Every structure is written in C-alpha cells, then in structure tokens.
C-alpha cells in the first residue's frame, strides 16, 4: 500500500508540474526572449534560453518614443492605477456598508441593480461614455480613466465587500451603539479594521485591472506623453515597417514586475480574505 501511495503521489506531482510548466511556458519564453537579439528571436523560437544574452533590448525599449522615455509611461500608468484603485475601494466600501448594515426602503432593488451591473458588457457603455466625457472636455485627460471608479461602478467589488461584512457579527454593532457610536463610528472603528483582508483583495484586483487596461486609454488618450504602458507597448509593433520585438518583450517583462510585487507582499491578506469570507455572526 505504501508503494502504491508513493507512486500515486509521484504521478500526481509530475502531472501538476507538467501542466504548470505548460501554462507558464509562454511567460518564460517572453522573459527569455527579452535577452535575445531582436533579429534572432523568431529564428530561435524553439530555443528557450538565449545563447548570447544581451541587455540591449532593455536599453532600446527604455528610450521610449518621441522623446518620451518608458519611465513616463510607467509613471502615467501608476498614477491611473493608484487613483482608480483608491476610488474603487472608497466607493465600494461605502456602498457595501450601506447595503450590509443599514435597513431602508428599496434596499433589495438597489442591491439587484448592483448585481445587474456585473452582467452588463462594458462595450455597451463605450459610446455613451465617450460622448459624455467629450461634452465635459475630458478627452486626452486621465479623468475618464479615474472618475467613474469613485461612484462604485464595479458591482463585483461591492458584492465581495458586502458579503464579507455580512460575516462580521452584528453583535459588535449593537455593543457599539450602546456605547454611543454612530453609523460612521461603527464603520470607521469596527467594520473597516475587520474588513482589511477583503479590502486588500479589492485593491489587488482593482490595481491589476487598471494597470492592464488597454481599451480605456486607447479611447481617451491622444498624446504620446500621456500614454499608459498598454498603449506604449503597441508602438513597438509597426505594420508598415520593422517591429522591435526585443524591446517589446523587454518592456513587457518590466511591466509585470509591479504586479508580481503586489502579489508577493499582499498574498497574506488575499489568502486571509478568502479563508475568512465564510465567517458567520
């Protein structure tokens, strides 16, 4: 029996490692290709490791375009992602707290509308939003990429935070009311500290979504110096002339670093949020 268990364990881990390698191989290929000479990348596509590693692609890619270095694109993307994440957290927290703890008329209808926004394709709103932002004079600014997230437009985050708050015992609210706390005090002193794992989860997903957003910047940003990373990477590919794939892969690799750092430092809170989401009062 022990031999069979060992064989099954070895077979299981072998299959898992093989599947994991297949899934991560495209990422590894991109990272390794960023150290190859641009002209040899596709000639040696079947070879993972570069024969003569070089950092020339990183130097060329960092120069950017139109006298705008890639540092500017990183700064623009970080600004948009950070401001959008703050808006998503603040607005989603307030709406989730109201739906979770307050009792008022049409509460069920409002919650249903929040769920309906999760089912509405974003493409449907592109033209109305563009016309609206154009009337406001926000085209070629970061306002269309940030402002909407301060109005709890992401129903999934509201639902996630509300579900987490429902798991916090309501006896804490009653005890705080006896001590003279208002709804605002209960939110800031009890609900907010206990919701840290869920807030971290929202922050991770919101920042990642804003960091990788392509369609929004494509619609609203017109000047190169305002581009985010997703738009800047597209500039390396030119259908009318030669494309610098080496620089493209190099800057794509650098663009992944912030996401990996966020997961590395906030993985504890993310895991805790998933593990404690089922607590009931």
C-alpha atoms as a PDB file:
ATOM      1  CA  UNK A   1       0.000   0.000   0.000  1.00  0.00           C
ATOM      2  CA  UNK A   2       2.817   2.393   0.844  1.00  0.00           C
ATOM      3  CA  UNK A   3       4.464   1.766  -2.521  1.00  0.00           C
ATOM      4  CA  UNK A   4       1.187   2.465  -4.329  1.00  0.00           C
ATOM      5  CA  UNK A   5       0.705   5.693  -2.367  1.00  0.00           C
ATOM      6  CA  UNK A   6       4.220   6.836  -3.215  1.00  0.00           C
ATOM      7  CA  UNK A   7       3.728   6.019  -6.888  1.00  0.00           C
ATOM      8  CA  UNK A   8       0.397   7.883  -6.939  1.00  0.00           C
ATOM      9  CA  UNK A   9       1.969  10.902  -5.228  1.00  0.00           C
ATOM     10  CA  UNK A  10       4.864  10.941  -7.679  1.00  0.00           C
ATOM     11  CA  UNK A  11       2.480  10.634 -10.618  1.00  0.00           C
ATOM     12  CA  UNK A  12       0.249  13.395  -9.230  1.00  0.00           C
ATOM     13  CA  UNK A  13       3.098  15.855  -8.678  1.00  0.00           C
ATOM     14  CA  UNK A  14       4.601  15.008 -12.062  1.00  0.00           C
ATOM     15  CA  UNK A  15       1.323  15.784 -13.822  1.00  0.00           C
ATOM     16  CA  UNK A  16       0.850  19.002 -11.819  1.00  0.00           C
ATOM     17  CA  UNK A  17       4.389  20.174 -12.588  1.00  0.00           C
ATOM     18  CA  UNK A  18       3.964  19.339 -16.278  1.00  0.00           C
ATOM     19  CA  UNK A  19       0.672  21.233 -16.521  1.00  0.00           C
ATOM     20  CA  UNK A  20       2.147  24.145 -14.563  1.00  0.00           C
ATOM     21  CA  UNK A  21       5.149  24.314 -16.878  1.00  0.00           C
ATOM     22  CA  UNK A  22       2.902  24.308 -19.954  1.00  0.00           C
ATOM     23  CA  UNK A  23       0.858  27.181 -18.503  1.00  0.00           C
ATOM     24  CA  UNK A  24       3.884  29.280 -17.528  1.00  0.00           C
ATOM     25  CA  UNK A  25       5.953  28.500 -20.627  1.00  0.00           C
ATOM     26  CA  UNK A  26       4.683  31.483 -22.699  1.00  0.00           C
ATOM     27  CA  UNK A  27       5.695  33.821 -19.878  1.00  0.00           C
ATOM     28  CA  UNK A  28       9.109  32.189 -19.572  1.00  0.00           C
ATOM     29  CA  UNK A  29       9.545  32.397 -23.343  1.00  0.00           C
ATOM     30  CA  UNK A  30       8.783  36.117 -23.304  1.00  0.00           C
ATOM     31  CA  UNK A  31      11.216  36.794 -20.457  1.00  0.00           C
ATOM     32  CA  UNK A  32      13.995  34.754 -22.041  1.00  0.00           C
ATOM     33  CA  UNK A  33      13.355  36.310 -25.466  1.00  0.00           C
ATOM     34  CA  UNK A  34      13.864  39.756 -23.967  1.00  0.00           C
ATOM     35  CA  UNK A  35      17.545  38.817 -23.532  1.00  0.00           C
ATOM     36  CA  UNK A  36      17.959  37.706 -27.150  1.00  0.00           C
ATOM     37  CA  UNK A  37      18.934  39.893 -30.083  1.00  0.00           C
ATOM     38  CA  UNK A  38      15.765  41.218 -31.689  1.00  0.00           C
ATOM     39  CA  UNK A  39      16.626  39.810 -35.110  1.00  0.00           C
ATOM     40  CA  UNK A  40      17.096  36.276 -33.773  1.00  0.00           C
ATOM     41  CA  UNK A  41      14.019  35.926 -31.549  1.00  0.00           C
ATOM     42  CA  UNK A  42      11.757  34.141 -34.022  1.00  0.00           C
ATOM     43  CA  UNK A  43      14.606  32.257 -35.692  1.00  0.00           C
ATOM     44  CA  UNK A  44      15.293  30.614 -32.320  1.00  0.00           C
ATOM     45  CA  UNK A  45      11.681  30.415 -31.168  1.00  0.00           C
ATOM     46  CA  UNK A  46      12.051  26.751 -30.215  1.00  0.00           C
ATOM     47  CA  UNK A  47      15.034  27.526 -28.005  1.00  0.00           C
ATOM     48  CA  UNK A  48      14.079  28.852 -24.584  1.00  0.00           C
ATOM     49  CA  UNK A  49      17.452  30.011 -23.248  1.00  0.00           C
ATOM     50  CA  UNK A  50      19.396  32.693 -25.158  1.00  0.00           C
ATOM     51  CA  UNK A  51      22.819  31.627 -26.439  1.00  0.00           C
ATOM     52  CA  UNK A  52      24.283  35.130 -26.112  1.00  0.00           C
ATOM     53  CA  UNK A  53      22.291  37.105 -23.510  1.00  0.00           C
ATOM     54  CA  UNK A  54      22.135  40.847 -24.044  1.00  0.00           C
ATOM     55  CA  UNK A  55      20.583  43.845 -22.283  1.00  0.00           C
ATOM     56  CA  UNK A  56      20.350  45.878 -25.475  1.00  0.00           C
ATOM     57  CA  UNK A  57      16.591  45.336 -25.712  1.00  0.00           C
ATOM     58  CA  UNK A  58      16.055  46.900 -22.289  1.00  0.00           C
ATOM     59  CA  UNK A  59      18.187  49.907 -23.190  1.00  0.00           C
ATOM     60  CA  UNK A  60      16.400  50.418 -26.506  1.00  0.00           C
ATOM     61  CA  UNK A  61      12.949  49.909 -25.021  1.00  0.00           C
ATOM     62  CA  UNK A  62      13.569  52.288 -22.118  1.00  0.00           C
ATOM     63  CA  UNK A  63      14.317  55.113 -24.566  1.00  0.00           C
ATOM     64  CA  UNK A  64      10.635  55.153 -25.479  1.00  0.00           C
ATOM     65  CA  UNK A  65       9.169  57.220 -28.299  1.00  0.00           C
ATOM     66  CA  UNK A  66       9.004  60.876 -29.362  1.00  0.00           C
ATOM     67  CA  UNK A  67      11.479  61.963 -26.667  1.00  0.00           C
ATOM     68  CA  UNK A  68       9.294  60.262 -24.042  1.00  0.00           C
ATOM     69  CA  UNK A  69      11.077  57.555 -22.068  1.00  0.00           C
ATOM     70  CA  UNK A  70       9.349  54.479 -20.744  1.00  0.00           C
ATOM     71  CA  UNK A  71       9.718  55.888 -17.239  1.00  0.00           C
ATOM     72  CA  UNK A  72       6.988  58.395 -18.185  1.00  0.00           C
ATOM     73  CA  UNK A  73       4.691  55.585 -19.294  1.00  0.00           C
ATOM     74  CA  UNK A  74       5.276  53.780 -16.000  1.00  0.00           C
ATOM     75  CA  UNK A  75       4.535  56.963 -14.069  1.00  0.00           C
ATOM     76  CA  UNK A  76       1.334  57.573 -16.035  1.00  0.00           C
ATOM     77  CA  UNK A  77       0.146  54.000 -15.545  1.00  0.00           C
ATOM     78  CA  UNK A  78       0.911  54.015 -11.832  1.00  0.00           C
ATOM     79  CA  UNK A  79      -0.991  57.273 -11.380  1.00  0.00           C
ATOM     80  CA  UNK A  80      -4.072  55.990 -13.197  1.00  0.00           C
ATOM     81  CA  UNK A  81      -3.968  52.600 -11.462  1.00  0.00           C
ATOM     82  CA  UNK A  82      -3.416  54.054  -7.977  1.00  0.00           C
ATOM     83  CA  UNK A  83      -6.112  56.718  -8.247  1.00  0.00           C
ATOM     84  CA  UNK A  84      -8.599  54.272  -9.763  1.00  0.00           C
ATOM     85  CA  UNK A  85      -7.872  51.737  -7.022  1.00  0.00           C
ATOM     86  CA  UNK A  86      -8.406  54.311  -4.271  1.00  0.00           C
ATOM     87  CA  UNK A  87     -11.720  55.290  -5.842  1.00  0.00           C
ATOM     88  CA  UNK A  88     -12.848  51.679  -6.160  1.00  0.00           C
ATOM     89  CA  UNK A  89     -12.003  50.903  -2.537  1.00  0.00           C
ATOM     90  CA  UNK A  90     -13.601  54.003  -1.007  1.00  0.00           C
ATOM     91  CA  UNK A  91     -16.808  53.970  -3.046  1.00  0.00           C
ATOM     92  CA  UNK A  92     -17.290  50.202  -2.877  1.00  0.00           C
ATOM     93  CA  UNK A  93     -16.762  50.222   0.899  1.00  0.00           C
ATOM     94  CA  UNK A  94     -19.387  52.898   1.471  1.00  0.00           C
ATOM     95  CA  UNK A  95     -21.975  51.240  -0.760  1.00  0.00           C
ATOM     96  CA  UNK A  96     -21.273  47.778   0.657  1.00  0.00           C
ATOM     97  CA  UNK A  97     -21.589  49.080   4.228  1.00  0.00           C
ATOM     98  CA  UNK A  98     -24.916  50.727   3.457  1.00  0.00           C
ATOM     99  CA  UNK A  99     -26.323  47.585   1.845  1.00  0.00           C
ATOM    100  CA  UNK A 100     -24.957  45.311   4.564  1.00  0.00           C
ATOM    101  CA  UNK A 101     -25.754  47.212   7.757  1.00  0.00           C
ATOM    102  CA  UNK A 102     -28.468  49.778   7.014  1.00  0.00           C
ATOM    103  CA  UNK A 103     -32.130  48.967   6.541  1.00  0.00           C
ATOM    104  CA  UNK A 104     -34.064  51.263   4.193  1.00  0.00           C
ATOM    105  CA  UNK A 105     -36.700  51.117   1.504  1.00  0.00           C
ATOM    106  CA  UNK A 106     -35.693  49.817  -1.944  1.00  0.00           C
ATOM    107  CA  UNK A 107     -32.569  48.277  -0.447  1.00  0.00           C
ATOM    108  CA  UNK A 108     -33.251  44.986  -2.235  1.00  0.00           C
ATOM    109  CA  UNK A 109     -33.841  46.771  -5.536  1.00  0.00           C
ATOM    110  CA  UNK A 110     -30.583  48.698  -5.245  1.00  0.00           C
ATOM    111  CA  UNK A 111     -28.687  45.502  -4.485  1.00  0.00           C
ATOM    112  CA  UNK A 112     -30.284  43.847  -7.513  1.00  0.00           C
ATOM    113  CA  UNK A 113     -29.168  46.776  -9.671  1.00  0.00           C
ATOM    114  CA  UNK A 114     -25.634  46.358  -8.368  1.00  0.00           C
ATOM    115  CA  UNK A 115     -25.706  42.708  -9.409  1.00  0.00           C
ATOM    116  CA  UNK A 116     -27.109  43.664 -12.821  1.00  0.00           C
ATOM    117  CA  UNK A 117     -24.124  45.927 -13.478  1.00  0.00           C
ATOM    118  CA  UNK A 118     -21.916  42.837 -13.215  1.00  0.00           C
ATOM    119  CA  UNK A 119     -23.805  41.277 -16.137  1.00  0.00           C
ATOM    120  CA  UNK A 120     -23.718  44.352 -18.397  1.00  0.00           C
ATOM    121  CA  UNK A 121     -20.948  44.175 -21.039  1.00  0.00           C
ATOM    122  CA  UNK A 122     -18.630  47.170 -20.861  1.00  0.00           C
ATOM    123  CA  UNK A 123     -18.706  47.566 -24.649  1.00  0.00           C
ATOM    124  CA  UNK A 124     -22.318  48.743 -24.440  1.00  0.00           C
ATOM    125  CA  UNK A 125     -21.299  51.794 -22.425  1.00  0.00           C
ATOM    126  CA  UNK A 126     -18.327  52.860 -24.561  1.00  0.00           C
ATOM    127  CA  UNK A 127     -20.161  55.174 -26.971  1.00  0.00           C
ATOM    128  CA  UNK A 128     -22.425  56.880 -24.351  1.00  0.00           C
ATOM    129  CA  UNK A 129     -19.478  57.378 -22.013  1.00  0.00           C
ATOM    130  CA  UNK A 130     -17.271  58.747 -24.762  1.00  0.00           C
ATOM    131  CA  UNK A 131     -19.954  61.259 -25.820  1.00  0.00           C
ATOM    132  CA  UNK A 132     -20.476  62.281 -22.207  1.00  0.00           C
ATOM    133  CA  UNK A 133     -16.774  62.746 -21.461  1.00  0.00           C
ATOM    134  CA  UNK A 134     -16.338  64.617 -24.735  1.00  0.00           C
ATOM    135  CA  UNK A 135     -19.049  67.093 -23.683  1.00  0.00           C
ATOM    136  CA  UNK A 136     -17.225  67.554 -20.371  1.00  0.00           C
ATOM    137  CA  UNK A 137     -13.944  68.250 -22.189  1.00  0.00           C
ATOM    138  CA  UNK A 138     -12.208  65.289 -20.581  1.00  0.00           C
ATOM    139  CA  UNK A 139     -10.801  63.749 -23.762  1.00  0.00           C
ATOM    140  CA  UNK A 140      -6.996  63.414 -23.662  1.00  0.00           C
ATOM    141  CA  UNK A 141      -7.040  63.606 -19.875  1.00  0.00           C
ATOM    142  CA  UNK A 142      -6.934  60.929 -17.179  1.00  0.00           C
ATOM    143  CA  UNK A 143     -10.333  61.897 -15.756  1.00  0.00           C
ATOM    144  CA  UNK A 144     -12.349  59.336 -17.800  1.00  0.00           C
ATOM    145  CA  UNK A 145      -9.982  56.598 -16.615  1.00  0.00           C
ATOM    146  CA  UNK A 146     -10.377  57.525 -12.937  1.00  0.00           C
ATOM    147  CA  UNK A 147     -13.628  59.385 -12.202  1.00  0.00           C
ATOM    148  CA  UNK A 148     -16.083  56.522 -12.768  1.00  0.00           C
ATOM    149  CA  UNK A 149     -14.457  54.359 -10.098  1.00  0.00           C
ATOM    150  CA  UNK A 150     -15.366  56.897  -7.407  1.00  0.00           C
ATOM    151  CA  UNK A 151     -19.032  56.005  -7.930  1.00  0.00           C
ATOM    152  CA  UNK A 152     -18.928  52.256  -7.105  1.00  0.00           C
ATOM    153  CA  UNK A 153     -19.356  51.223 -10.728  1.00  0.00           C
ATOM    154  CA  UNK A 154     -17.736  47.819 -10.175  1.00  0.00           C
ATOM    155  CA  UNK A 155     -20.501  45.636  -8.807  1.00  0.00           C
ATOM    156  CA  UNK A 156     -18.225  42.691  -8.093  1.00  0.00           C
ATOM    157  CA  UNK A 157     -16.224  44.669  -5.529  1.00  0.00           C
ATOM    158  CA  UNK A 158     -19.404  45.890  -3.841  1.00  0.00           C
ATOM    159  CA  UNK A 159     -20.730  42.330  -3.693  1.00  0.00           C
ATOM    160  CA  UNK A 160     -17.424  40.975  -2.361  1.00  0.00           C
ATOM    161  CA  UNK A 161     -17.167  43.586   0.406  1.00  0.00           C
ATOM    162  CA  UNK A 162     -20.857  43.297   1.291  1.00  0.00           C
ATOM    163  CA  UNK A 163     -20.581  39.513   1.575  1.00  0.00           C
ATOM    164  CA  UNK A 164     -17.553  39.900   3.838  1.00  0.00           C
ATOM    165  CA  UNK A 165     -19.307  42.473   6.050  1.00  0.00           C
ATOM    166  CA  UNK A 166     -22.311  40.183   6.384  1.00  0.00           C
ATOM    167  CA  UNK A 167     -19.976  37.688   8.023  1.00  0.00           C
ATOM    168  CA  UNK A 168     -18.955  40.162  10.744  1.00  0.00           C
ATOM    169  CA  UNK A 169     -21.130  39.547  13.852  1.00  0.00           C
ATOM    170  CA  UNK A 170     -23.772  42.240  14.202  1.00  0.00           C
ATOM    171  CA  UNK A 171     -23.450  41.989  17.978  1.00  0.00           C
ATOM    172  CA  UNK A 172     -20.414  44.245  17.595  1.00  0.00           C
ATOM    173  CA  UNK A 173     -22.628  46.917  16.047  1.00  0.00           C
ATOM    174  CA  UNK A 174     -25.157  46.660  18.871  1.00  0.00           C
ATOM    175  CA  UNK A 175     -22.437  46.937  21.515  1.00  0.00           C
ATOM    176  CA  UNK A 176     -21.010  49.984  19.775  1.00  0.00           C
ATOM    177  CA  UNK A 177     -24.452  51.631  19.609  1.00  0.00           C
ATOM    178  CA  UNK A 178     -24.866  51.120  23.345  1.00  0.00           C
ATOM    179  CA  UNK A 179     -21.549  52.920  23.822  1.00  0.00           C
ATOM    180  CA  UNK A 180     -22.889  55.835  21.803  1.00  0.00           C
ATOM    181  CA  UNK A 181     -21.264  55.168  18.427  1.00  0.00           C
ATOM    182  CA  UNK A 182     -22.963  56.441  15.294  1.00  0.00           C
ATOM    183  CA  UNK A 183     -23.092  54.577  11.981  1.00  0.00           C
ATOM    184  CA  UNK A 184     -19.996  56.460  10.870  1.00  0.00           C
ATOM    185  CA  UNK A 185     -18.102  55.492  14.036  1.00  0.00           C
ATOM    186  CA  UNK A 186     -19.139  51.856  13.660  1.00  0.00           C
ATOM    187  CA  UNK A 187     -17.896  51.903  10.083  1.00  0.00           C
ATOM    188  CA  UNK A 188     -14.543  53.514  10.856  1.00  0.00           C
ATOM    189  CA  UNK A 189     -13.768  51.791  14.172  1.00  0.00           C
ATOM    190  CA  UNK A 190     -15.235  48.297  13.688  1.00  0.00           C
ATOM    191  CA  UNK A 191     -16.180  47.400  10.120  1.00  0.00           C
ATOM    192  CA  UNK A 192     -13.215  48.998   8.396  1.00  0.00           C
ATOM    193  CA  UNK A 193     -10.445  47.353  10.506  1.00  0.00           C
ATOM    194  CA  UNK A 194     -12.113  43.943  10.342  1.00  0.00           C
ATOM    195  CA  UNK A 195     -12.539  44.196   6.570  1.00  0.00           C
ATOM    196  CA  UNK A 196      -8.801  44.563   5.872  1.00  0.00           C
ATOM    197  CA  UNK A 197      -8.480  41.181   4.076  1.00  0.00           C
ATOM    198  CA  UNK A 198     -11.410  41.979   1.772  1.00  0.00           C
ATOM    199  CA  UNK A 199     -10.062  45.481   1.131  1.00  0.00           C
ATOM    200  CA  UNK A 200      -6.691  44.007   0.188  1.00  0.00           C
ATOM    201  CA  UNK A 201      -8.416  41.643  -2.233  1.00  0.00           C
ATOM    202  CA  UNK A 202     -10.256  44.539  -3.867  1.00  0.00           C
ATOM    203  CA  UNK A 203      -7.036  46.567  -4.023  1.00  0.00           C
ATOM    204  CA  UNK A 204      -5.134  43.771  -5.751  1.00  0.00           C
ATOM    205  CA  UNK A 205      -7.738  43.082  -8.410  1.00  0.00           C
ATOM    206  CA  UNK A 206      -8.559  46.753  -8.978  1.00  0.00           C
ATOM    207  CA  UNK A 207      -4.914  47.761  -9.372  1.00  0.00           C
ATOM    208  CA  UNK A 208      -4.262  44.859 -11.712  1.00  0.00           C
ATOM    209  CA  UNK A 209      -7.292  45.731 -13.852  1.00  0.00           C
ATOM    210  CA  UNK A 210      -6.302  49.394 -14.100  1.00  0.00           C
ATOM    211  CA  UNK A 211      -2.661  48.528 -14.771  1.00  0.00           C
ATOM    212  CA  UNK A 212      -3.559  46.214 -17.654  1.00  0.00           C
ATOM    213  CA  UNK A 213      -6.364  48.351 -19.078  1.00  0.00           C
ATOM    214  CA  UNK A 214      -5.965  48.917 -22.804  1.00  0.00           C
ATOM    215  CA  UNK A 215      -9.340  49.940 -24.187  1.00  0.00           C
ATOM    216  CA  UNK A 216      -9.823  52.915 -21.863  1.00  0.00           C
ATOM    217  CA  UNK A 217      -6.503  54.637 -22.679  1.00  0.00           C
ATOM    218  CA  UNK A 218      -6.993  53.805 -26.364  1.00  0.00           C
ATOM    219  CA  UNK A 219     -10.315  55.681 -26.384  1.00  0.00           C
ATOM    220  CA  UNK A 220      -9.416  58.750 -24.362  1.00  0.00           C
ATOM    221  CA  UNK A 221      -5.653  59.396 -24.650  1.00  0.00           C
ATOM    222  CA  UNK A 222      -4.380  61.064 -27.815  1.00  0.00           C
ATOM    223  CA  UNK A 223      -0.909  62.375 -26.968  1.00  0.00           C
ATOM    224  CA  UNK A 224       2.094  60.059 -26.632  1.00  0.00           C
ATOM    225  CA  UNK A 225       3.379  61.646 -23.424  1.00  0.00           C
ATOM    226  CA  UNK A 226       0.096  60.724 -21.716  1.00  0.00           C
ATOM    227  CA  UNK A 227       0.113  57.086 -22.821  1.00  0.00           C
ATOM    228  CA  UNK A 228      -0.011  54.244 -20.336  1.00  0.00           C
ATOM    229  CA  UNK A 229       2.135  51.122 -20.638  1.00  0.00           C
ATOM    230  CA  UNK A 230      -0.523  49.137 -22.511  1.00  0.00           C
ATOM    231  CA  UNK A 231      -0.622  51.741 -25.289  1.00  0.00           C
ATOM    232  CA  UNK A 232       3.129  52.325 -25.301  1.00  0.00           C
ATOM    233  CA  UNK A 233       3.843  48.643 -25.867  1.00  0.00           C
ATOM    234  CA  UNK A 234       1.730  48.746 -29.027  1.00  0.00           C
ATOM    235  CA  UNK A 235       4.078  51.347 -30.507  1.00  0.00           C
ATOM    236  CA  UNK A 236       6.870  48.765 -30.799  1.00  0.00           C
ATOM    237  CA  UNK A 237       4.823  46.941 -33.450  1.00  0.00           C
ATOM    238  CA  UNK A 238       4.632  48.731 -36.797  1.00  0.00           C
ATOM    239  CA  UNK A 239       2.790  47.050 -39.663  1.00  0.00           C
ATOM    240  CA  UNK A 240       4.340  49.359 -42.265  1.00  0.00           C
ATOM    241  CA  UNK A 241       7.965  48.847 -41.231  1.00  0.00           C
ATOM    242  CA  UNK A 242      10.098  46.678 -38.958  1.00  0.00           C
ATOM    243  CA  UNK A 243       8.951  45.930 -35.419  1.00  0.00           C
ATOM    244  CA  UNK A 244      11.283  45.831 -32.423  1.00  0.00           C
ATOM    245  CA  UNK A 245      10.055  42.671 -30.712  1.00  0.00           C
ATOM    246  CA  UNK A 246      13.080  42.509 -28.450  1.00  0.00           C
ATOM    247  CA  UNK A 247      12.279  45.880 -26.893  1.00  0.00           C
ATOM    248  CA  UNK A 248       8.601  44.903 -26.765  1.00  0.00           C
ATOM    249  CA  UNK A 249       9.347  41.763 -24.757  1.00  0.00           C
ATOM    250  CA  UNK A 250      11.799  43.635 -22.536  1.00  0.00           C
ATOM    251  CA  UNK A 251       9.307  46.361 -21.578  1.00  0.00           C
ATOM    252  CA  UNK A 252       6.538  43.771 -21.233  1.00  0.00           C
ATOM    253  CA  UNK A 253       8.732  41.936 -18.738  1.00  0.00           C
ATOM    254  CA  UNK A 254       9.326  45.130 -16.752  1.00  0.00           C
ATOM    255  CA  UNK A 255       5.601  45.897 -16.769  1.00  0.00           C
ATOM    256  CA  UNK A 256       4.959  42.611 -14.949  1.00  0.00           C
ATOM    257  CA  UNK A 257       7.259  43.489 -12.039  1.00  0.00           C
ATOM    258  CA  UNK A 258       4.774  45.714 -10.117  1.00  0.00           C
ATOM    259  CA  UNK A 259       2.053  43.073 -10.356  1.00  0.00           C
ATOM    260  CA  UNK A 260       4.375  40.373  -9.045  1.00  0.00           C
ATOM    261  CA  UNK A 261       5.483  42.628  -6.174  1.00  0.00           C
ATOM    262  CA  UNK A 262       1.878  43.348  -5.201  1.00  0.00           C
ATOM    263  CA  UNK A 263       1.033  39.642  -5.103  1.00  0.00           C
ATOM    264  CA  UNK A 264       4.224  38.871  -3.186  1.00  0.00           C
ATOM    265  CA  UNK A 265       3.608  41.441  -0.440  1.00  0.00           C
ATOM    266  CA  UNK A 266      -0.193  41.182  -0.246  1.00  0.00           C
ATOM    267  CA  UNK A 267      -0.633  37.449  -0.727  1.00  0.00           C
ATOM    268  CA  UNK A 268      -1.097  37.002   3.021  1.00  0.00           C
ATOM    269  CA  UNK A 269      -4.086  39.357   3.094  1.00  0.00           C
ATOM    270  CA  UNK A 270      -5.515  37.850  -0.084  1.00  0.00           C
ATOM    271  CA  UNK A 271      -5.376  34.346   1.377  1.00  0.00           C
ATOM    272  CA  UNK A 272      -6.828  35.553   4.667  1.00  0.00           C
ATOM    273  CA  UNK A 273      -9.696  37.240   2.859  1.00  0.00           C
ATOM    274  CA  UNK A 274     -10.586  34.038   1.033  1.00  0.00           C
ATOM    275  CA  UNK A 275     -10.207  31.896   4.168  1.00  0.00           C
ATOM    276  CA  UNK A 276     -12.346  34.099   6.444  1.00  0.00           C
ATOM    277  CA  UNK A 277     -15.071  35.058   3.967  1.00  0.00           C
ATOM    278  CA  UNK A 278     -17.318  32.303   5.333  1.00  0.00           C
ATOM    279  CA  UNK A 279     -17.417  33.522   8.962  1.00  0.00           C
ATOM    280  CA  UNK A 280     -20.975  33.997  10.154  1.00  0.00           C
ATOM    281  CA  UNK A 281     -22.244  36.019  13.068  1.00  0.00           C
END
